[in-house]
Amino acid sequence: MTVVLKLGGSVITRKSEPETIAESALDAAAEAVAGTEEDVVVVHGGGSFGHHHADRHGVSTTDGTDDAVAVTDVHDAMKRLNDAVVERLQDHGVSAVPVHPFSLASRDEDGALSLPTDGIEAMLGEGFVPVLHGDMVVHSGDGATVLSGDELVVALGRALPVDRVGLCSAVPGVLDSADEVVPRIENFAEVADVLGASDATDVTGGMAAKVRTLLDLPVPAVVFGLDDLDAFLAGSAPGTVVAGSTPPNDSR
């Protein structure tokens, strides 16, 4: 089985403290990945590394820049976080290797994302664990915009022969107005009234944008907390299952 696993930036960093790793959480996540026999593609968010720099430069998933310094500032911050994640995974015996989306991906004038995945498939075939991250992306007509980890999850879920998708979040699932976990979401209207913006700086839209994006996946996605990561990797579906009606690609 092939699993795409997103480690939320709010899980592996202290999102209110610029460029600060949540050490125990990252260790726990690395240990869980080391314990699975699945083929895993890891994606991680920006947390306190990418988001603060992107906010400072006024860029987001829709607001672009043609300032090379701004692009490099955000990209370098994400590379620093990616280095830390890859190193921690390797410390736990995972054959993790870095994949920097800025060098691969692009958006067209309509904002549609193109992400070549031949190299990622080759890495999996050789026993490596590719580790991608939220990044900047060249955007036709807009210079460069922010590429969120959730967008990467969907792109990978649509392009690769993926069996399961999981998003490890700072909360135990998608929460309703009473802070109870919503067990299943099949369309955005079901939860639109209770989803708001992220508490900390987040230029990718918070949980609302996450759910909208995940509904485009051809396979169900599971949103869960760090305590349930082992259970997810063992085959369970803790937290919230987000399952849209998008048909699978013909190549799947």
C-alpha atoms as a PDB file:
ATOM      1  CA  MET A   1       0.000   0.000   0.000  1.00  0.00           C
ATOM      2  CA  THR A   2       1.056   3.578  -0.656  1.00  0.00           C
ATOM      3  CA  VAL A   3       0.134   6.231   1.890  1.00  0.00           C
ATOM      4  CA  VAL A   4       0.377   9.993   1.586  1.00  0.00           C
ATOM      5  CA  LEU A   5       0.873  11.433   5.066  1.00  0.00           C
ATOM      6  CA  LYS A   6       0.673  15.154   5.802  1.00  0.00           C
ATOM      7  CA  LEU A   7       2.303  16.332   9.018  1.00  0.00           C
ATOM      8  CA  GLY A   8       0.649  19.631   9.851  1.00  0.00           C
ATOM      9  CA  GLY A   9       2.897  22.607  10.471  1.00  0.00           C
ATOM     10  CA  SER A  10       0.993  23.267  13.693  1.00  0.00           C
ATOM     11  CA  VAL A  11       1.941  19.749  14.845  1.00  0.00           C
ATOM     12  CA  ILE A  12       5.669  19.718  14.195  1.00  0.00           C
ATOM     13  CA  THR A  13       6.395  23.392  14.986  1.00  0.00           C
ATOM     14  CA  ARG A  14       5.337  25.880  17.632  1.00  0.00           C
ATOM     15  CA  LYS A  15       3.320  27.977  15.272  1.00  0.00           C
ATOM     16  CA  SER A  16       3.238  31.150  17.380  1.00  0.00           C
ATOM     17  CA  GLU A  17       7.053  31.133  17.804  1.00  0.00           C
ATOM     18  CA  PRO A  18       8.960  31.847  14.567  1.00  0.00           C
ATOM     19  CA  GLU A  19      11.107  28.953  13.327  1.00  0.00           C
ATOM     20  CA  THR A  20      10.661  26.770  16.405  1.00  0.00           C
ATOM     21  CA  ILE A  21      10.410  22.974  16.178  1.00  0.00           C
ATOM     22  CA  ALA A  22       7.988  21.102  18.441  1.00  0.00           C
ATOM     23  CA  GLU A  23      10.659  18.573  19.337  1.00  0.00           C
ATOM     24  CA  SER A  24       8.618  15.905  21.116  1.00  0.00           C
ATOM     25  CA  ALA A  25       5.870  15.992  18.492  1.00  0.00           C
ATOM     26  CA  LEU A  26       8.315  15.637  15.605  1.00  0.00           C
ATOM     27  CA  ASP A  27      10.003  12.744  17.408  1.00  0.00           C
ATOM     28  CA  ALA A  28       6.655  11.015  17.927  1.00  0.00           C
ATOM     29  CA  ALA A  29       5.727  11.474  14.270  1.00  0.00           C
ATOM     30  CA  ALA A  30       9.093  10.147  13.089  1.00  0.00           C
ATOM     31  CA  GLU A  31       8.797   7.125  15.356  1.00  0.00           C
ATOM     32  CA  ALA A  32       5.329   6.351  13.994  1.00  0.00           C
ATOM     33  CA  VAL A  33       6.512   6.548  10.371  1.00  0.00           C
ATOM     34  CA  ALA A  34       9.466   4.325  11.238  1.00  0.00           C
ATOM     35  CA  GLY A  35       7.069   1.715  12.608  1.00  0.00           C
ATOM     36  CA  THR A  36       4.930   1.257   9.490  1.00  0.00           C
ATOM     37  CA  GLU A  37       5.518  -1.196   6.665  1.00  0.00           C
ATOM     38  CA  GLU A  38       3.580   0.937   4.167  1.00  0.00           C
ATOM     39  CA  ASP A  39       5.203   2.890   1.342  1.00  0.00           C
ATOM     40  CA  VAL A  40       4.907   6.454   2.606  1.00  0.00           C
ATOM     41  CA  VAL A  41       5.147   9.846   0.957  1.00  0.00           C
ATOM     42  CA  VAL A  42       5.466  12.518   3.648  1.00  0.00           C
ATOM     43  CA  VAL A  43       4.299  16.097   3.161  1.00  0.00           C
ATOM     44  CA  HIS A  44       4.710  18.700   5.890  1.00  0.00           C
ATOM     45  CA  GLY A  45       3.242  22.142   6.351  1.00  0.00           C
ATOM     46  CA  GLY A  46       4.988  25.428   7.003  1.00  0.00           C
ATOM     47  CA  GLY A  47       4.077  26.077  10.616  1.00  0.00           C
ATOM     48  CA  SER A  48       6.222  28.735  12.248  1.00  0.00           C
ATOM     49  CA  PHE A  49       8.767  28.565   9.420  1.00  0.00           C
ATOM     50  CA  GLY A  50       6.993  29.352   6.156  1.00  0.00           C
ATOM     51  CA  HIS A  51       3.846  31.151   7.268  1.00  0.00           C
ATOM     52  CA  HIS A  52       5.518  34.007   9.121  1.00  0.00           C
ATOM     53  CA  HIS A  53       7.836  34.797   6.206  1.00  0.00           C
ATOM     54  CA  ALA A  54       4.997  34.569   3.672  1.00  0.00           C
ATOM     55  CA  ASP A  55       2.816  36.848   5.783  1.00  0.00           C
ATOM     56  CA  ARG A  56       5.654  39.369   6.103  1.00  0.00           C
ATOM     57  CA  HIS A  57       6.035  39.493   2.325  1.00  0.00           C
ATOM     58  CA  GLY A  58       2.274  39.639   1.706  1.00  0.00           C
ATOM     59  CA  VAL A  59       2.114  36.424  -0.311  1.00  0.00           C
ATOM     60  CA  SER A  60      -0.442  33.626  -0.067  1.00  0.00           C
ATOM     61  CA  THR A  61      -1.953  30.918  -2.233  1.00  0.00           C
ATOM     62  CA  THR A  62      -3.685  33.665  -4.250  1.00  0.00           C
ATOM     63  CA  ASP A  63      -1.492  36.767  -3.750  1.00  0.00           C
ATOM     64  CA  GLY A  64       1.749  36.498  -5.693  1.00  0.00           C
ATOM     65  CA  THR A  65       5.059  38.316  -5.882  1.00  0.00           C
ATOM     66  CA  ASP A  66       7.732  38.911  -8.507  1.00  0.00           C
ATOM     67  CA  ASP A  67      10.307  39.721  -5.825  1.00  0.00           C
ATOM     68  CA  ALA A  68      13.012  37.045  -5.976  1.00  0.00           C
ATOM     69  CA  VAL A  69      14.173  37.937  -2.467  1.00  0.00           C
ATOM     70  CA  ALA A  70      10.688  37.281  -1.063  1.00  0.00           C
ATOM     71  CA  VAL A  71      10.461  33.965  -2.911  1.00  0.00           C
ATOM     72  CA  THR A  72      13.871  32.878  -1.640  1.00  0.00           C
ATOM     73  CA  ASP A  73      13.066  34.001   1.903  1.00  0.00           C
ATOM     74  CA  VAL A  74       9.987  31.778   2.128  1.00  0.00           C
ATOM     75  CA  HIS A  75      11.596  28.885   0.246  1.00  0.00           C
ATOM     76  CA  ASP A  76      14.732  28.898   2.400  1.00  0.00           C
ATOM     77  CA  ALA A  77      12.665  28.887   5.591  1.00  0.00           C
ATOM     78  CA  MET A  78      10.791  25.839   4.333  1.00  0.00           C
ATOM     79  CA  LYS A  79      14.039  24.130   3.384  1.00  0.00           C
ATOM     80  CA  ARG A  80      15.303  24.642   6.932  1.00  0.00           C
ATOM     81  CA  LEU A  81      12.181  22.950   8.289  1.00  0.00           C
ATOM     82  CA  ASN A  82      12.420  20.200   5.682  1.00  0.00           C
ATOM     83  CA  ASP A  83      16.034  19.550   6.670  1.00  0.00           C
ATOM     84  CA  ALA A  84      14.929  19.126  10.282  1.00  0.00           C
ATOM     85  CA  VAL A  85      12.094  16.744   9.355  1.00  0.00           C
ATOM     86  CA  VAL A  86      14.272  14.624   7.062  1.00  0.00           C
ATOM     87  CA  GLU A  87      17.045  14.460   9.656  1.00  0.00           C
ATOM     88  CA  ARG A  88      14.639  13.399  12.407  1.00  0.00           C
ATOM     89  CA  LEU A  89      13.104  10.701  10.209  1.00  0.00           C
ATOM     90  CA  GLN A  90      16.571   9.416   9.326  1.00  0.00           C
ATOM     91  CA  ASP A  91      17.482   9.390  13.025  1.00  0.00           C
ATOM     92  CA  HIS A  92      14.615   6.913  13.489  1.00  0.00           C
ATOM     93  CA  GLY A  93      15.814   4.697  10.638  1.00  0.00           C
ATOM     94  CA  VAL A  94      13.489   6.017   7.909  1.00  0.00           C
ATOM     95  CA  SER A  95      15.031   6.291   4.424  1.00  0.00           C
ATOM     96  CA  ALA A  96      13.796   9.861   4.091  1.00  0.00           C
ATOM     97  CA  VAL A  97      14.960  12.136   1.257  1.00  0.00           C
ATOM     98  CA  PRO A  98      14.059  15.786   0.573  1.00  0.00           C
ATOM     99  CA  VAL A  99      11.888  16.911  -2.351  1.00  0.00           C
ATOM    100  CA  HIS A 100      11.586  20.689  -2.842  1.00  0.00           C
ATOM    101  CA  PRO A 101       8.390  21.520  -4.789  1.00  0.00           C
ATOM    102  CA  PHE A 102       9.579  24.958  -5.967  1.00  0.00           C
ATOM    103  CA  SER A 103      11.955  23.191  -8.360  1.00  0.00           C
ATOM    104  CA  LEU A 104       9.214  20.894  -9.708  1.00  0.00           C
ATOM    105  CA  ALA A 105       5.795  22.489  -9.629  1.00  0.00           C
ATOM    106  CA  SER A 106       4.065  25.347 -11.456  1.00  0.00           C
ATOM    107  CA  ARG A 107       0.660  26.995 -11.681  1.00  0.00           C
ATOM    108  CA  ASP A 108      -1.026  28.094 -14.885  1.00  0.00           C
ATOM    109  CA  GLU A 109      -2.910  31.382 -15.302  1.00  0.00           C
ATOM    110  CA  ASP A 110      -6.054  29.802 -13.819  1.00  0.00           C
ATOM    111  CA  GLY A 111      -4.164  28.648 -10.741  1.00  0.00           C
ATOM    112  CA  ALA A 112      -4.192  24.966 -11.686  1.00  0.00           C
ATOM    113  CA  LEU A 113      -1.205  23.125 -10.226  1.00  0.00           C
ATOM    114  CA  SER A 114       1.164  20.939 -12.231  1.00  0.00           C
ATOM    115  CA  LEU A 115       3.392  18.593 -10.204  1.00  0.00           C
ATOM    116  CA  PRO A 116       5.493  16.014 -12.080  1.00  0.00           C
ATOM    117  CA  THR A 117       5.689  12.846  -9.991  1.00  0.00           C
ATOM    118  CA  ASP A 118       7.908  10.489 -12.025  1.00  0.00           C
ATOM    119  CA  GLY A 119      10.852  11.163  -9.738  1.00  0.00           C
ATOM    120  CA  ILE A 120       8.753  10.623  -6.633  1.00  0.00           C
ATOM    121  CA  GLU A 121       7.532   7.272  -7.964  1.00  0.00           C
ATOM    122  CA  ALA A 122      11.129   6.310  -8.713  1.00  0.00           C
ATOM    123  CA  MET A 123      12.128   7.179  -5.152  1.00  0.00           C
ATOM    124  CA  LEU A 124       9.363   4.961  -3.775  1.00  0.00           C
ATOM    125  CA  GLY A 125      10.455   2.160  -6.089  1.00  0.00           C
ATOM    126  CA  GLU A 126      13.967   2.333  -4.632  1.00  0.00           C
ATOM    127  CA  GLY A 127      12.730   2.198  -1.052  1.00  0.00           C
ATOM    128  CA  PHE A 128      13.085   5.883  -0.225  1.00  0.00           C
ATOM    129  CA  VAL A 129      10.528   7.986   1.645  1.00  0.00           C
ATOM    130  CA  PRO A 130      10.087  11.281  -0.254  1.00  0.00           C
ATOM    131  CA  VAL A 131       9.513  14.253   2.046  1.00  0.00           C
ATOM    132  CA  LEU A 132       7.827  17.230   0.383  1.00  0.00           C
ATOM    133  CA  HIS A 133       6.793  20.498   1.973  1.00  0.00           C
ATOM    134  CA  GLY A 134       4.689  23.587   1.515  1.00  0.00           C
ATOM    135  CA  ASP A 135       6.651  26.007  -0.629  1.00  0.00           C
ATOM    136  CA  MET A 136       6.526  28.818  -3.153  1.00  0.00           C
ATOM    137  CA  VAL A 137       5.500  27.965  -6.720  1.00  0.00           C
ATOM    138  CA  VAL A 138       5.925  29.826 -10.006  1.00  0.00           C
ATOM    139  CA  HIS A 139       2.483  31.099 -11.027  1.00  0.00           C
ATOM    140  CA  SER A 140       1.924  32.188 -14.626  1.00  0.00           C
ATOM    141  CA  GLY A 141       1.050  35.888 -14.667  1.00  0.00           C
ATOM    142  CA  ASP A 142       1.512  36.313 -10.891  1.00  0.00           C
ATOM    143  CA  GLY A 143       5.188  35.683 -10.305  1.00  0.00           C
ATOM    144  CA  ALA A 144       5.104  33.157  -7.476  1.00  0.00           C
ATOM    145  CA  THR A 145       2.452  32.209  -4.937  1.00  0.00           C
ATOM    146  CA  VAL A 146       2.359  29.966  -1.884  1.00  0.00           C
ATOM    147  CA  LEU A 147       1.891  26.248  -2.477  1.00  0.00           C
ATOM    148  CA  SER A 148       0.233  24.669   0.544  1.00  0.00           C
ATOM    149  CA  GLY A 149       0.972  21.211   1.844  1.00  0.00           C
ATOM    150  CA  ASP A 150      -2.697  20.332   1.443  1.00  0.00           C
ATOM    151  CA  GLU A 151      -2.519  21.133  -2.279  1.00  0.00           C
ATOM    152  CA  LEU A 152       0.476  18.835  -2.533  1.00  0.00           C
ATOM    153  CA  VAL A 153      -1.455  16.072  -0.777  1.00  0.00           C
ATOM    154  CA  VAL A 154      -4.239  16.300  -3.354  1.00  0.00           C
ATOM    155  CA  ALA A 155      -1.825  16.478  -6.292  1.00  0.00           C
ATOM    156  CA  LEU A 156      -0.001  13.383  -5.048  1.00  0.00           C
ATOM    157  CA  GLY A 157      -3.263  11.603  -4.249  1.00  0.00           C
ATOM    158  CA  ARG A 158      -4.466  12.153  -7.802  1.00  0.00           C
ATOM    159  CA  ALA A 159      -1.205  11.381  -9.626  1.00  0.00           C
ATOM    160  CA  LEU A 160       0.151   8.398  -7.668  1.00  0.00           C
ATOM    161  CA  PRO A 161      -1.433   4.973  -7.064  1.00  0.00           C
ATOM    162  CA  VAL A 162      -2.311   5.998  -3.513  1.00  0.00           C
ATOM    163  CA  ASP A 163      -4.415   3.771  -1.266  1.00  0.00           C
ATOM    164  CA  ARG A 164      -4.774   6.039   1.763  1.00  0.00           C
ATOM    165  CA  VAL A 165      -4.339   9.705   2.649  1.00  0.00           C
ATOM    166  CA  GLY A 166      -3.918  11.003   6.179  1.00  0.00           C
ATOM    167  CA  LEU A 167      -3.523  14.470   7.634  1.00  0.00           C
ATOM    168  CA  CYS A 168      -2.043  14.657  11.105  1.00  0.00           C
ATOM    169  CA  SER A 169      -3.401  17.845  12.642  1.00  0.00           C
ATOM    170  CA  ALA A 170      -3.128  19.802  15.892  1.00  0.00           C
ATOM    171  CA  VAL A 171      -6.740  18.814  16.606  1.00  0.00           C
ATOM    172  CA  PRO A 172      -8.252  15.290  16.686  1.00  0.00           C
ATOM    173  CA  GLY A 173     -10.268  15.893  13.518  1.00  0.00           C
ATOM    174  CA  VAL A 174     -12.539  18.512  11.999  1.00  0.00           C
ATOM    175  CA  LEU A 175     -14.416  20.069  14.916  1.00  0.00           C
ATOM    176  CA  ASP A 176     -17.996  21.338  15.001  1.00  0.00           C
ATOM    177  CA  SER A 177     -19.271  24.380  16.922  1.00  0.00           C
ATOM    178  CA  ALA A 178     -19.238  22.368  20.166  1.00  0.00           C
ATOM    179  CA  ASP A 179     -15.626  21.257  19.571  1.00  0.00           C
ATOM    180  CA  GLU A 180     -16.779  17.729  18.873  1.00  0.00           C
ATOM    181  CA  VAL A 181     -15.156  15.742  16.063  1.00  0.00           C
ATOM    182  CA  VAL A 182     -17.243  15.539  12.896  1.00  0.00           C
ATOM    183  CA  PRO A 183     -16.932  11.847  11.945  1.00  0.00           C
ATOM    184  CA  ARG A 184     -17.486  12.244   8.181  1.00  0.00           C
ATOM    185  CA  ILE A 185     -17.739  15.069   5.647  1.00  0.00           C
ATOM    186  CA  GLU A 186     -19.027  14.488   2.133  1.00  0.00           C
ATOM    187  CA  ASN A 187     -19.598  18.088   1.024  1.00  0.00           C
ATOM    188  CA  PHE A 188     -18.425  21.467   2.250  1.00  0.00           C
ATOM    189  CA  ALA A 189     -21.908  22.791   2.952  1.00  0.00           C
ATOM    190  CA  GLU A 190     -22.199  20.332   5.846  1.00  0.00           C
ATOM    191  CA  VAL A 191     -19.508  22.163   7.821  1.00  0.00           C
ATOM    192  CA  ALA A 192     -19.264  25.609   6.227  1.00  0.00           C
ATOM    193  CA  ASP A 193     -20.889  27.367   9.192  1.00  0.00           C
ATOM    194  CA  VAL A 194     -18.474  25.996  11.793  1.00  0.00           C
ATOM    195  CA  LEU A 195     -15.141  26.237   9.987  1.00  0.00           C
ATOM    196  CA  GLY A 196     -13.152  29.380  10.601  1.00  0.00           C
ATOM    197  CA  ALA A 197      -9.632  30.664  10.152  1.00  0.00           C
ATOM    198  CA  SER A 198      -6.591  29.259  11.934  1.00  0.00           C
ATOM    199  CA  ASP A 199      -5.729  30.792  15.342  1.00  0.00           C
ATOM    200  CA  ALA A 200      -2.105  31.429  14.334  1.00  0.00           C
ATOM    201  CA  THR A 201      -0.734  33.053  11.193  1.00  0.00           C
ATOM    202  CA  ASP A 202      -1.770  30.864   8.258  1.00  0.00           C
ATOM    203  CA  VAL A 203      -1.533  32.091   4.670  1.00  0.00           C
ATOM    204  CA  THR A 204      -3.084  28.901   3.287  1.00  0.00           C
ATOM    205  CA  GLY A 205      -6.612  29.300   4.647  1.00  0.00           C
ATOM    206  CA  GLY A 206      -6.841  27.112   7.776  1.00  0.00           C
ATOM    207  CA  MET A 207      -9.232  24.179   8.211  1.00  0.00           C
ATOM    208  CA  ALA A 208     -11.876  25.516   5.817  1.00  0.00           C
ATOM    209  CA  ALA A 209      -9.412  25.553   2.913  1.00  0.00           C
ATOM    210  CA  LYS A 210      -8.120  22.134   4.001  1.00  0.00           C
ATOM    211  CA  VAL A 211     -11.569  20.525   3.793  1.00  0.00           C
ATOM    212  CA  ARG A 212     -12.376  22.175   0.450  1.00  0.00           C
ATOM    213  CA  THR A 213      -9.101  20.880  -0.960  1.00  0.00           C
ATOM    214  CA  LEU A 214      -9.474  17.353   0.397  1.00  0.00           C
ATOM    215  CA  LEU A 215     -12.929  16.965  -1.123  1.00  0.00           C
ATOM    216  CA  ASP A 216     -11.180  16.924  -4.528  1.00  0.00           C
ATOM    217  CA  LEU A 217      -9.285  13.737  -3.708  1.00  0.00           C
ATOM    218  CA  PRO A 218     -10.188  10.513  -5.545  1.00  0.00           C
ATOM    219  CA  VAL A 219      -9.729   8.570  -2.279  1.00  0.00           C
ATOM    220  CA  PRO A 220     -11.049   9.423   1.202  1.00  0.00           C
ATOM    221  CA  ALA A 221      -8.766  11.460   3.453  1.00  0.00           C
ATOM    222  CA  VAL A 222      -8.561  11.124   7.219  1.00  0.00           C
ATOM    223  CA  VAL A 223      -7.913  14.128   9.486  1.00  0.00           C
ATOM    224  CA  PHE A 224      -6.696  13.158  12.960  1.00  0.00           C
ATOM    225  CA  GLY A 225      -4.472  14.241  15.843  1.00  0.00           C
ATOM    226  CA  LEU A 226      -0.925  13.168  16.613  1.00  0.00           C
ATOM    227  CA  ASP A 227      -2.125  10.663  19.226  1.00  0.00           C
ATOM    228  CA  ASP A 228      -3.902   8.756  16.440  1.00  0.00           C
ATOM    229  CA  LEU A 229      -1.016   8.670  13.946  1.00  0.00           C
ATOM    230  CA  ASP A 230      -0.012   5.126  14.878  1.00  0.00           C
ATOM    231  CA  ALA A 231      -3.624   3.980  14.512  1.00  0.00           C
ATOM    232  CA  PHE A 232      -3.922   5.580  11.066  1.00  0.00           C
ATOM    233  CA  LEU A 233      -0.702   4.003   9.832  1.00  0.00           C
ATOM    234  CA  ALA A 234      -1.952   0.655  11.151  1.00  0.00           C
ATOM    235  CA  GLY A 235      -5.018   0.921   8.889  1.00  0.00           C
ATOM    236  CA  SER A 236      -7.643   2.623  11.060  1.00  0.00           C
ATOM    237  CA  ALA A 237      -9.586   5.794  10.225  1.00  0.00           C
ATOM    238  CA  PRO A 238      -9.591   7.877  13.425  1.00  0.00           C
ATOM    239  CA  GLY A 239     -10.838  11.446  13.517  1.00  0.00           C
ATOM    240  CA  THR A 240     -12.723  12.792  10.494  1.00  0.00           C
ATOM    241  CA  VAL A 241     -13.087  11.063   7.139  1.00  0.00           C
ATOM    242  CA  VAL A 242     -13.351  13.565   4.277  1.00  0.00           C
ATOM    243  CA  ALA A 243     -14.794  11.784   1.269  1.00  0.00           C
ATOM    244  CA  GLY A 244     -15.930  13.749  -1.760  1.00  0.00           C
ATOM    245  CA  SER A 245     -17.561  12.414  -4.896  1.00  0.00           C
ATOM    246  CA  THR A 246     -14.622  13.014  -7.290  1.00  0.00           C
ATOM    247  CA  PRO A 247     -14.204   9.864  -9.433  1.00  0.00           C
ATOM    248  CA  PRO A 248     -10.778   8.204  -9.483  1.00  0.00           C
ATOM    249  CA  ASN A 249      -8.396   8.980 -12.352  1.00  0.00           C
ATOM    250  CA  ASP A 250      -8.333   6.491 -15.181  1.00  0.00           C
ATOM    251  CA  SER A 251      -4.691   5.761 -14.329  1.00  0.00           C
ATOM    252  CA  ARG A 252      -5.475   4.610 -10.835  1.00  0.00           C
END
